[in-house]
N, C-alpha and C. Protein backbone atom coordinates (compact mmCIF):
# COMPACT_ATOMS: atom_id res chain seq x y z
N MET A 1 64.44 93.96 249.86
CA MET A 1 65.77 93.74 250.75
C MET A 1 65.51 92.54 251.56
N LEU A 2 64.38 92.40 252.14
CA LEU A 2 64.03 91.31 252.97
C LEU A 2 64.13 90.11 252.41
N VAL A 3 63.55 89.99 251.20
CA VAL A 3 63.68 88.58 250.45
C VAL A 3 65.07 88.24 249.93
N SER A 4 65.76 89.27 249.77
CA SER A 4 67.30 89.16 249.23
C SER A 4 68.01 88.60 250.39
N LYS A 5 67.79 89.19 251.73
CA LYS A 5 68.40 88.87 252.91
C LYS A 5 67.96 87.25 253.21
N ILE A 6 66.85 86.87 252.87
CA ILE A 6 66.38 85.44 253.34
C ILE A 6 67.12 84.60 252.46
N LEU A 7 67.11 84.78 251.12
CA LEU A 7 67.77 83.97 250.12
C LEU A 7 69.20 83.90 250.38
N SER A 8 69.82 85.07 250.65
CA SER A 8 71.30 85.07 250.95
C SER A 8 71.76 84.31 252.15
N SER A 9 70.81 84.29 253.11
CA SER A 9 70.97 83.56 254.37
C SER A 9 70.92 82.03 254.14
N VAL A 10 70.01 81.57 253.37
CA VAL A 10 69.89 80.27 253.12
C VAL A 10 71.17 79.88 252.21
N ILE A 11 71.61 80.44 251.31
CA ILE A 11 72.81 80.12 250.51
C ILE A 11 74.00 80.14 251.57
N GLN A 12 74.20 81.27 252.59
CA GLN A 12 75.28 81.19 253.38
C GLN A 12 75.28 80.19 254.29
N ILE A 13 74.01 79.70 254.89
CA ILE A 13 74.09 78.58 255.68
C ILE A 13 74.57 77.29 255.13
N LEU A 14 73.87 77.08 253.88
CA LEU A 14 74.33 75.83 253.12
C LEU A 14 75.82 75.89 252.83
N LEU A 15 76.36 76.88 252.32
CA LEU A 15 77.82 77.10 252.00
C LEU A 15 78.61 76.76 253.40
N PHE A 16 78.39 77.30 254.45
CA PHE A 16 78.95 77.12 255.61
C PHE A 16 78.92 75.95 256.32
N ALA A 17 77.90 75.16 255.95
CA ALA A 17 77.42 73.85 256.57
C ALA A 17 77.96 72.83 255.85
N LEU A 18 78.29 72.96 254.53
CA LEU A 18 78.83 71.93 253.57
C LEU A 18 80.04 71.15 254.01
N ILE A 19 80.96 71.87 254.26
CA ILE A 19 82.08 71.16 254.71
C ILE A 19 82.05 70.44 256.01
N PRO A 20 81.38 71.08 257.08
CA PRO A 20 81.15 70.34 258.28
C PRO A 20 80.22 69.04 258.25
N PHE A 21 79.29 69.14 257.23
CA PHE A 21 78.34 68.06 256.97
C PHE A 21 79.16 66.93 256.24
N LEU A 22 79.90 67.25 255.18
CA LEU A 22 80.69 66.19 254.50
C LEU A 22 81.72 65.56 255.46
N TRP A 23 82.18 66.25 256.32
CA TRP A 23 83.24 65.91 257.33
C TRP A 23 82.67 64.99 258.19
N TRP A 24 81.42 65.19 258.87
CA TRP A 24 80.70 64.42 259.68
C TRP A 24 80.20 63.10 258.99
N PHE A 25 79.74 63.14 257.67
CA PHE A 25 79.23 62.14 257.01
C PHE A 25 80.19 61.18 256.80
N LEU A 26 81.38 61.56 256.36
CA LEU A 26 82.48 60.69 256.22
C LEU A 26 83.32 60.13 257.52
N THR A 27 83.07 60.89 258.63
CA THR A 27 83.85 60.32 259.77
C THR A 27 83.00 59.89 261.12
N ALA A 28 81.83 60.52 261.15
CA ALA A 28 81.27 60.54 262.50
C ALA A 28 79.60 60.09 262.43
N ARG A 29 79.22 59.90 261.16
CA ARG A 29 77.67 59.69 261.03
C ARG A 29 77.16 58.32 261.71
N LYS A 30 78.04 57.46 261.97
CA LYS A 30 77.80 56.12 262.64
C LYS A 30 77.67 56.38 264.28
N LYS A 31 78.31 57.42 264.68
CA LYS A 31 78.75 57.71 266.17
C LYS A 31 77.52 58.61 266.69
N GLN A 32 77.31 59.49 266.01
CA GLN A 32 76.28 60.70 266.58
C GLN A 32 75.61 61.26 265.62
N SER A 33 74.50 62.11 265.89
CA SER A 33 73.87 62.83 264.90
C SER A 33 74.58 63.95 264.40
N PHE A 34 74.24 64.75 263.36
CA PHE A 34 74.92 65.79 263.00
C PHE A 34 74.92 66.94 263.86
N ASN A 35 73.62 66.95 264.28
CA ASN A 35 73.02 68.25 265.18
C ASN A 35 73.99 68.05 266.52
N ASN A 36 74.21 67.05 267.12
CA ASN A 36 74.77 66.87 268.32
C ASN A 36 76.44 66.97 267.99
N TRP A 37 76.74 66.34 266.98
CA TRP A 37 78.11 66.55 266.65
C TRP A 37 78.56 68.05 266.45
N ILE A 38 77.76 68.83 265.78
CA ILE A 38 78.18 70.25 265.36
C ILE A 38 77.84 71.20 266.76
N GLY A 39 76.96 70.69 267.59
CA GLY A 39 76.69 71.56 268.77
C GLY A 39 75.22 72.18 268.71
N LEU A 40 74.19 71.73 267.85
CA LEU A 40 73.11 72.22 267.80
C LEU A 40 72.15 71.22 268.76
N LYS A 41 72.44 71.56 270.05
CA LYS A 41 71.85 70.77 271.02
C LYS A 41 71.54 71.66 272.18
N LYS A 42 70.68 70.86 273.11
CA LYS A 42 70.35 71.76 274.50
C LYS A 42 71.56 71.91 275.17
N PHE A 43 71.80 73.04 275.78
CA PHE A 43 73.02 73.25 276.55
C PHE A 43 72.89 72.67 277.92
N GLY A 44 74.03 72.11 278.30
CA GLY A 44 74.24 71.50 279.75
C GLY A 44 74.66 72.71 280.72
N GLY A 45 74.98 72.27 281.96
CA GLY A 45 75.54 73.19 282.76
C GLY A 45 74.53 74.10 283.61
N LEU A 46 74.78 74.99 284.40
CA LEU A 46 73.99 75.99 285.12
C LEU A 46 73.51 77.09 284.17
N ARG A 47 72.19 77.08 283.97
CA ARG A 47 71.59 78.18 283.12
C ARG A 47 71.88 79.62 283.67
N ILE A 48 72.04 79.82 284.90
CA ILE A 48 72.47 81.21 285.31
C ILE A 48 73.74 81.58 284.90
N ASN A 49 74.73 80.42 285.17
CA ASN A 49 75.98 81.03 284.62
C ASN A 49 76.10 81.10 283.18
N ILE A 50 75.31 80.49 282.39
CA ILE A 50 75.17 80.69 280.81
C ILE A 50 74.70 82.03 280.53
N THR A 51 73.72 82.33 281.14
CA THR A 51 72.86 83.44 281.19
C THR A 51 73.76 84.75 281.28
N ILE A 52 74.36 84.74 282.56
CA ILE A 52 75.33 85.95 282.91
C ILE A 52 76.52 85.95 282.13
N ALA A 53 77.02 84.88 281.71
CA ALA A 53 78.29 85.03 280.91
C ALA A 53 77.90 85.57 279.49
N SER A 54 76.69 85.01 279.12
CA SER A 54 76.28 85.54 277.71
C SER A 54 75.78 87.02 277.67
N ILE A 55 75.24 87.48 278.47
CA ILE A 55 74.63 88.78 278.68
C ILE A 55 75.99 89.68 278.97
N ALA A 56 76.99 89.25 279.54
CA ALA A 56 78.06 90.06 279.98
C ALA A 56 78.76 90.20 278.69
N THR A 57 78.89 89.22 277.99
CA THR A 57 79.65 89.24 276.56
C THR A 57 79.08 89.98 275.61
N VAL A 58 77.59 89.93 275.67
CA VAL A 58 76.85 90.86 274.66
C VAL A 58 77.12 92.33 274.99
N VAL A 59 77.11 92.68 276.27
CA VAL A 59 77.54 93.99 276.80
C VAL A 59 78.65 94.49 276.18
N VAL A 60 79.88 93.67 276.49
CA VAL A 60 81.27 93.92 276.00
C VAL A 60 81.25 94.01 274.61
N PHE A 61 80.63 93.13 273.83
CA PHE A 61 80.63 93.02 272.33
C PHE A 61 80.10 94.32 271.76
N LEU A 62 78.92 94.77 272.39
CA LEU A 62 78.25 96.11 271.79
C LEU A 62 79.08 97.14 272.12
N LEU A 63 79.70 97.29 273.22
CA LEU A 63 80.32 98.57 273.54
C LEU A 63 81.59 98.66 272.61
N LEU A 64 82.41 97.54 272.56
CA LEU A 64 83.43 97.56 271.66
C LEU A 64 83.17 97.64 270.15
N GLY A 65 81.94 97.00 269.87
CA GLY A 65 81.40 97.00 268.51
C GLY A 65 81.08 98.21 267.96
N PHE A 66 80.37 99.17 268.83
CA PHE A 66 79.99 100.31 268.64
C PHE A 66 81.42 101.35 268.18
N PHE A 67 82.35 100.95 269.11
CA PHE A 67 83.65 101.84 268.79
C PHE A 67 84.26 101.36 267.46
N ILE A 68 84.13 100.03 267.09
CA ILE A 68 84.41 99.56 265.81
C ILE A 68 83.66 100.29 264.75
N GLN A 69 82.49 100.26 264.79
CA GLN A 69 81.83 100.91 263.90
C GLN A 69 81.97 102.28 263.71
N TYR A 70 82.21 102.97 264.81
CA TYR A 70 82.78 104.53 264.70
C TYR A 70 83.96 104.67 263.81
N ILE A 71 85.09 103.76 264.19
CA ILE A 71 86.28 103.81 263.44
C ILE A 71 86.19 103.29 261.86
N LEU A 72 85.17 102.62 261.64
CA LEU A 72 84.85 102.23 260.36
C LEU A 72 83.77 103.08 259.54
N LYS A 73 83.41 104.21 260.18
CA LYS A 73 82.24 105.13 259.81
C LYS A 73 82.33 105.39 258.24
N ASP A 74 83.67 105.59 257.83
CA ASP A 74 83.88 106.18 256.44
C ASP A 74 84.23 104.95 255.47
N VAL A 75 83.96 103.77 255.92
CA VAL A 75 84.35 102.63 255.12
C VAL A 75 83.12 101.74 254.88
N GLU A 76 83.08 101.44 253.71
CA GLU A 76 81.86 100.51 253.34
C GLU A 76 82.01 99.07 253.93
N THR A 77 80.98 98.61 254.69
CA THR A 77 80.79 97.39 255.44
C THR A 77 79.65 96.87 255.06
N ALA A 78 79.49 95.70 255.50
CA ALA A 78 78.36 94.68 255.29
C ALA A 78 76.95 95.54 255.84
N LEU A 79 77.26 96.29 256.90
CA LEU A 79 76.06 96.86 257.41
C LEU A 79 75.69 98.43 256.77
N SER A 80 76.54 98.69 255.90
CA SER A 80 76.41 100.17 255.11
C SER A 80 74.97 100.22 254.52
N GLU A 81 74.60 98.91 253.87
CA GLU A 81 73.37 98.87 253.13
C GLU A 81 72.02 99.40 253.92
N PHE A 82 72.36 99.47 255.39
CA PHE A 82 71.25 99.62 256.36
C PHE A 82 71.34 101.27 256.53
N ASN A 83 72.31 101.80 256.32
CA ASN A 83 72.54 103.25 256.76
C ASN A 83 71.41 104.12 256.40
N GLY A 84 70.96 104.70 257.55
CA GLY A 84 69.86 105.82 257.39
C GLY A 84 68.35 105.21 256.99
N LEU A 85 68.19 103.97 256.99
CA LEU A 85 67.03 103.37 256.36
C LEU A 85 65.89 103.36 257.59
N GLY A 86 66.34 103.37 258.69
CA GLY A 86 65.49 103.62 259.94
C GLY A 86 64.53 102.32 260.16
N LEU A 87 63.41 102.54 260.40
CA LEU A 87 62.42 101.35 260.93
C LEU A 87 62.24 100.24 259.94
N ARG A 88 62.10 100.75 258.57
CA ARG A 88 62.02 99.76 257.46
C ARG A 88 63.01 98.81 257.19
N ALA A 89 64.24 99.03 257.74
CA ALA A 89 65.24 98.13 257.71
C ALA A 89 65.36 97.10 258.67
N VAL A 90 64.48 97.18 259.73
CA VAL A 90 64.60 96.37 260.97
C VAL A 90 64.33 94.83 260.50
N PRO A 91 63.44 94.38 259.64
CA PRO A 91 63.23 92.97 259.46
C PRO A 91 64.43 92.39 258.65
N SER A 92 64.80 93.20 257.68
CA SER A 92 66.20 92.63 257.05
C SER A 92 67.33 92.64 258.00
N ILE A 93 67.32 93.57 258.88
CA ILE A 93 68.40 93.46 259.90
C ILE A 93 68.38 92.28 260.74
N LEU A 94 67.11 91.86 261.09
CA LEU A 94 66.94 90.51 261.95
C LEU A 94 67.30 89.28 261.18
N VAL A 95 66.99 89.35 259.90
CA VAL A 95 67.41 88.14 259.20
C VAL A 95 68.88 88.00 258.99
N TYR A 96 69.41 89.33 258.65
CA TYR A 96 70.80 89.57 258.36
C TYR A 96 71.62 88.97 259.68
N GLY A 97 71.24 89.53 260.86
CA GLY A 97 71.99 89.47 262.11
C GLY A 97 71.82 87.97 262.67
N ILE A 98 70.67 87.34 262.41
CA ILE A 98 70.61 86.15 263.18
C ILE A 98 70.90 85.00 262.22
N PHE A 99 70.68 84.88 260.80
CA PHE A 99 70.71 83.96 260.03
C PHE A 99 71.74 84.05 258.91
N ASN A 100 72.05 85.28 258.52
CA ASN A 100 73.03 85.48 257.43
C ASN A 100 74.48 85.68 257.95
N THR A 101 74.65 86.02 259.12
CA THR A 101 75.96 86.14 259.82
C THR A 101 76.17 85.12 260.77
N ALA A 102 75.38 85.37 261.95
CA ALA A 102 75.64 84.68 263.27
C ALA A 102 75.63 83.19 263.02
N PHE A 103 74.39 82.71 262.51
CA PHE A 103 74.37 81.22 262.59
C PHE A 103 75.44 80.39 261.70
N PRO A 104 75.53 81.03 260.40
CA PRO A 104 76.58 80.27 259.45
C PRO A 104 78.07 80.33 260.29
N GLU A 105 78.36 81.57 260.90
CA GLU A 105 79.66 81.83 261.39
C GLU A 105 79.83 80.78 262.66
N GLU A 106 78.73 80.65 263.48
CA GLU A 106 79.03 79.88 264.63
C GLU A 106 79.02 78.37 264.10
N LEU A 107 78.32 77.98 263.25
CA LEU A 107 78.44 76.54 262.66
C LEU A 107 79.84 76.32 262.22
N LEU A 108 80.58 77.12 261.51
CA LEU A 108 81.77 76.91 260.99
C LEU A 108 82.98 77.03 262.16
N PHE A 109 82.76 78.21 262.80
CA PHE A 109 84.07 78.53 263.78
C PHE A 109 83.81 77.65 265.10
N ARG A 110 82.66 77.91 265.87
CA ARG A 110 82.54 77.16 267.15
C ARG A 110 81.93 75.93 267.01
N GLY A 111 81.30 75.41 265.96
CA GLY A 111 80.67 74.23 265.85
C GLY A 111 81.57 73.31 265.20
N PHE A 112 82.24 73.73 264.07
CA PHE A 112 83.06 72.69 263.33
C PHE A 112 84.48 72.95 263.70
N LEU A 113 85.18 73.95 263.47
CA LEU A 113 86.64 74.27 263.75
C LEU A 113 87.07 73.83 265.20
N LEU A 114 86.27 74.58 266.12
CA LEU A 114 86.63 74.47 267.68
C LEU A 114 86.55 72.91 268.00
N LYS A 115 85.40 72.27 267.67
CA LYS A 115 85.33 70.97 268.18
C LYS A 115 86.24 69.91 267.56
N ARG A 116 86.61 70.14 266.21
CA ARG A 116 87.48 69.18 265.38
C ARG A 116 88.95 69.47 266.02
N ILE A 117 89.31 70.72 265.91
CA ILE A 117 90.74 70.92 266.50
C ILE A 117 90.89 70.41 268.02
N SER A 118 89.92 71.07 268.67
CA SER A 118 90.01 70.46 270.11
C SER A 118 90.10 69.03 270.27
N SER A 119 89.45 68.36 269.47
CA SER A 119 89.47 66.77 269.65
C SER A 119 90.85 66.29 269.31
N LYS A 120 91.66 66.93 268.51
CA LYS A 120 93.06 66.52 268.14
C LYS A 120 94.05 67.10 269.21
N ILE A 121 93.96 68.20 269.69
CA ILE A 121 95.29 69.02 270.29
C ILE A 121 94.73 69.63 271.60
N GLY A 122 93.44 69.39 272.04
CA GLY A 122 92.90 69.96 273.31
C GLY A 122 91.98 71.38 273.03
N PHE A 123 91.26 71.45 273.94
CA PHE A 123 90.53 72.71 274.03
C PHE A 123 91.17 74.10 273.99
N GLN A 124 92.29 74.14 274.87
CA GLN A 124 92.93 75.46 274.96
C GLN A 124 93.49 75.92 273.57
N TRP A 125 94.25 75.11 272.95
CA TRP A 125 94.68 75.46 271.74
C TRP A 125 93.71 75.59 270.54
N GLY A 126 92.85 74.68 270.71
CA GLY A 126 91.57 74.62 269.66
C GLY A 126 90.86 75.92 269.67
N ASN A 127 90.69 76.46 271.00
CA ASN A 127 89.82 77.77 271.06
C ASN A 127 90.80 78.80 270.71
N ILE A 128 92.10 78.80 270.82
CA ILE A 128 92.97 79.94 270.55
C ILE A 128 92.96 79.92 268.94
N ILE A 129 93.17 78.84 268.35
CA ILE A 129 93.30 78.63 266.90
C ILE A 129 91.85 79.16 266.15
N GLN A 130 90.72 78.70 266.60
CA GLN A 130 89.64 78.92 266.03
C GLN A 130 89.31 80.54 266.24
N ALA A 131 89.60 81.17 267.28
CA ALA A 131 89.35 82.39 267.57
C ALA A 131 90.26 83.35 266.75
N PHE A 132 91.66 82.89 266.60
CA PHE A 132 92.52 83.67 265.85
C PHE A 132 92.03 83.70 264.38
N LEU A 133 91.50 82.56 263.86
CA LEU A 133 91.20 82.36 262.39
C LEU A 133 89.93 83.31 262.20
N PHE A 134 89.08 83.19 263.11
CA PHE A 134 87.66 84.21 263.16
C PHE A 134 88.15 85.68 263.17
N GLY A 135 89.23 86.13 263.91
CA GLY A 135 89.62 87.33 264.02
C GLY A 135 90.33 87.87 262.70
N LEU A 136 91.21 86.84 262.17
CA LEU A 136 92.10 87.09 261.08
C LEU A 136 91.02 87.48 259.87
N ILE A 137 90.14 86.59 259.64
CA ILE A 137 89.10 86.77 258.52
C ILE A 137 88.46 88.05 258.59
N HIS A 138 88.06 88.57 259.74
CA HIS A 138 87.47 89.84 260.03
C HIS A 138 88.54 91.04 259.72
N CYS A 139 89.69 90.76 259.93
CA CYS A 139 90.76 91.79 260.08
C CYS A 139 91.12 91.74 258.50
N ILE A 140 91.18 90.76 257.80
CA ILE A 140 91.58 90.88 256.29
C ILE A 140 90.61 91.70 255.55
N MET A 141 89.48 91.64 255.88
CA MET A 141 88.22 92.26 255.09
C MET A 141 88.38 93.79 255.12
N PHE A 142 89.31 94.39 256.22
CA PHE A 142 89.53 95.73 256.17
C PHE A 142 90.96 96.28 256.05
N TRP A 143 91.65 95.29 255.58
CA TRP A 143 93.17 95.41 255.26
C TRP A 143 93.24 96.46 254.19
N GLY A 144 94.07 97.42 254.53
CA GLY A 144 94.11 98.59 253.47
C GLY A 144 92.99 99.57 253.39
N LEU A 145 92.07 99.29 254.15
CA LEU A 145 90.87 100.27 254.18
C LEU A 145 91.10 101.09 255.45
N VAL A 146 91.65 100.70 256.44
CA VAL A 146 91.90 101.40 257.76
C VAL A 146 93.32 101.42 257.96
N ASN A 147 93.77 102.33 258.98
CA ASN A 147 95.22 102.25 259.18
C ASN A 147 95.62 101.01 260.01
N LYS A 148 96.84 100.93 260.13
CA LYS A 148 97.42 99.46 260.79
C LYS A 148 96.92 99.30 262.21
N ILE A 149 96.74 100.53 262.85
CA ILE A 149 96.42 100.43 264.34
C ILE A 149 94.97 99.86 264.31
N TYR A 150 94.00 100.59 263.56
CA TYR A 150 92.68 100.14 263.65
C TYR A 150 92.48 98.73 263.17
N THR A 151 93.34 98.18 262.24
CA THR A 151 93.40 96.95 261.74
C THR A 151 93.62 95.89 262.82
N LEU A 152 94.58 96.21 263.70
CA LEU A 152 95.03 95.47 264.87
C LEU A 152 93.99 95.51 265.86
N ILE A 153 93.34 96.66 266.15
CA ILE A 153 92.08 96.74 267.24
C ILE A 153 91.03 95.80 266.62
N ILE A 154 90.68 95.71 265.32
CA ILE A 154 89.74 94.68 264.92
C ILE A 154 90.26 93.44 265.08
N LEU A 155 91.40 93.04 264.75
CA LEU A 155 91.84 91.82 264.95
C LEU A 155 91.82 91.32 266.47
N VAL A 156 92.18 92.16 267.43
CA VAL A 156 92.27 91.74 268.79
C VAL A 156 90.81 91.83 269.34
N PHE A 157 89.83 92.60 268.97
CA PHE A 157 88.59 92.57 269.42
C PHE A 157 87.71 91.40 268.80
N THR A 158 87.89 91.00 267.49
CA THR A 158 87.17 89.84 267.17
C THR A 158 87.60 88.55 267.58
N THR A 159 89.05 88.47 267.81
CA THR A 159 89.60 87.35 268.35
C THR A 159 89.32 86.95 269.68
N SER A 160 89.20 88.14 270.51
CA SER A 160 88.82 88.03 272.05
C SER A 160 87.32 87.61 272.19
N ILE A 161 86.55 88.34 271.54
CA ILE A 161 85.07 87.93 271.29
C ILE A 161 84.96 86.17 271.03
N ALA A 162 85.64 85.88 269.85
CA ALA A 162 85.52 84.42 269.41
C ALA A 162 86.08 83.62 270.55
N TRP A 163 87.08 83.91 271.10
CA TRP A 163 87.63 82.91 272.40
C TRP A 163 86.69 82.89 273.35
N THR A 164 86.05 84.06 273.82
CA THR A 164 85.10 84.10 274.82
C THR A 164 83.80 83.18 274.36
N MET A 165 83.43 83.25 273.24
CA MET A 165 82.32 82.51 272.91
C MET A 165 82.61 81.04 272.83
N GLY A 166 83.68 80.61 272.39
CA GLY A 166 84.05 79.33 272.46
C GLY A 166 84.19 78.73 274.00
N TYR A 167 84.71 79.52 274.84
CA TYR A 167 84.81 79.24 276.27
C TYR A 167 83.37 78.92 276.73
N ILE A 168 82.58 79.85 276.54
CA ILE A 168 81.16 79.78 277.02
C ILE A 168 80.46 78.33 276.49
N ASN A 169 80.63 78.24 275.21
CA ASN A 169 79.94 76.99 274.69
C ASN A 169 80.40 75.79 275.22
N GLU A 170 81.65 75.75 275.22
CA GLU A 170 82.28 74.44 275.57
C GLU A 170 82.48 74.20 277.19
N HIS A 171 82.62 75.12 277.86
CA HIS A 171 83.01 75.11 279.37
C HIS A 171 81.56 75.27 280.18
N LEU A 172 80.86 76.08 279.67
CA LEU A 172 79.72 76.52 280.43
C LEU A 172 78.34 75.71 279.83
N ALA A 173 78.23 75.73 278.59
CA ALA A 173 77.10 74.97 277.95
C ALA A 173 77.10 73.62 277.28
N GLY A 174 78.20 72.92 277.81
CA GLY A 174 78.35 71.37 277.51
C GLY A 174 78.53 71.23 276.00
N GLY A 175 79.13 72.19 275.14
CA GLY A 175 79.23 72.10 273.86
C GLY A 175 78.18 72.67 272.75
N SER A 176 77.15 73.19 273.48
CA SER A 176 76.29 73.81 272.72
C SER A 176 76.42 75.21 271.94
N LEU A 177 76.00 75.18 270.84
CA LEU A 177 76.27 76.40 270.00
C LEU A 177 75.33 77.55 270.44
N PHE A 178 74.28 77.06 270.94
CA PHE A 178 73.20 78.31 271.28
C PHE A 178 73.69 79.49 272.03
N PRO A 179 74.38 79.54 273.13
CA PRO A 179 74.90 80.55 273.73
C PRO A 179 75.59 81.56 272.79
N SER A 180 76.63 80.93 272.01
CA SER A 180 77.34 81.89 271.13
C SER A 180 76.62 82.55 270.10
N TRP A 181 75.62 81.46 269.67
CA TRP A 181 74.61 82.00 268.39
C TRP A 181 73.82 83.12 269.00
N PHE A 182 73.31 83.22 270.16
CA PHE A 182 72.50 84.26 270.82
C PHE A 182 73.50 85.54 270.97
N ILE A 183 74.76 85.20 271.46
CA ILE A 183 75.58 86.58 271.63
C ILE A 183 76.00 87.14 270.28
N HIS A 184 76.21 86.33 269.35
CA HIS A 184 76.59 86.92 267.99
C HIS A 184 75.39 87.68 267.37
N ALA A 185 74.30 86.90 267.37
CA ALA A 185 73.09 87.49 266.86
C ALA A 185 72.68 88.88 267.38
N VAL A 186 72.58 88.96 268.83
CA VAL A 186 72.01 90.23 269.41
C VAL A 186 73.04 91.19 269.08
N SER A 187 74.39 90.88 269.04
CA SER A 187 75.37 91.95 268.73
C SER A 187 75.29 92.46 267.43
N ASN A 188 74.94 91.54 266.35
CA ASN A 188 74.86 91.90 264.90
C ASN A 188 73.59 92.65 264.71
N VAL A 189 72.50 92.22 265.29
CA VAL A 189 71.20 93.03 265.15
C VAL A 189 71.35 94.39 265.71
N CYS A 190 71.89 94.56 266.83
CA CYS A 190 72.11 95.93 267.49
C CYS A 190 72.99 96.63 266.62
N ALA A 191 74.15 96.22 266.10
CA ALA A 191 74.89 96.85 265.15
C ALA A 191 74.26 97.34 263.85
N GLY A 192 73.49 96.49 263.28
CA GLY A 192 72.50 96.87 262.24
C GLY A 192 71.53 97.83 262.44
N ILE A 193 70.85 97.88 263.63
CA ILE A 193 69.88 98.85 264.11
C ILE A 193 70.57 100.15 264.25
N TYR A 194 71.98 100.18 264.84
CA TYR A 194 72.74 101.45 264.95
C TYR A 194 72.93 102.01 263.57
N ALA A 195 73.28 101.19 262.73
CA ALA A 195 73.56 101.64 261.24
C ALA A 195 72.49 102.26 260.72
N ALA A 196 71.29 101.57 260.93
CA ALA A 196 69.95 102.06 260.28
C ALA A 196 69.49 103.39 260.72
N PHE A 197 69.81 103.69 261.92
CA PHE A 197 69.28 104.91 262.77
C PHE A 197 70.32 105.84 263.03
N MET A 198 71.58 105.67 262.70
CA MET A 198 72.66 106.61 262.92
C MET A 198 72.54 108.04 262.12
N SER A 199 72.06 107.93 260.98
CA SER A 199 72.00 109.06 260.17
C SER A 199 70.43 109.49 259.75
N VAL A 200 69.52 108.85 260.67
CA VAL A 200 68.11 109.31 260.34
C VAL A 200 68.07 110.78 260.91
């Protein structure tokens, strides 16, 4: 399972980075490096503010996330493969949570979409649009698998978290992706561990 997750992560990162990389190559390579353009850079701002905001977001993410996992307990999800595996699933969960989901999604949504849309129509609308798209994609995955109320809860939850991560990155961390990658990764790893141990 671990080797499969590593290979899957490499493919996922390459796929999610392809469009941003091509966009940068065609429009911005002479102006700045890809890492700086996408947000893979040291964060600016007060570290204490970034730390407090990130930890608070992780706590809210986890509390609401466990509720979402509860309402999806009878639905096959990406985390279902870890159900009941206990300690032996932890290495795979770490790779899954940090590199298979969090990193590529942050590259695409907070690194590429938020920054590009904001540069055209401003941060406020850029953040709303990237957050809604993030929420919509997560919502579509469960369309028809859970009732409409639960689907709406998933949409609101994932959109709100995406908006918050975009705000932290751009307003507190000087455009760095590292705070949202941390928030996203910790939350996904904890959700995977919950799945691995919940039926042990």
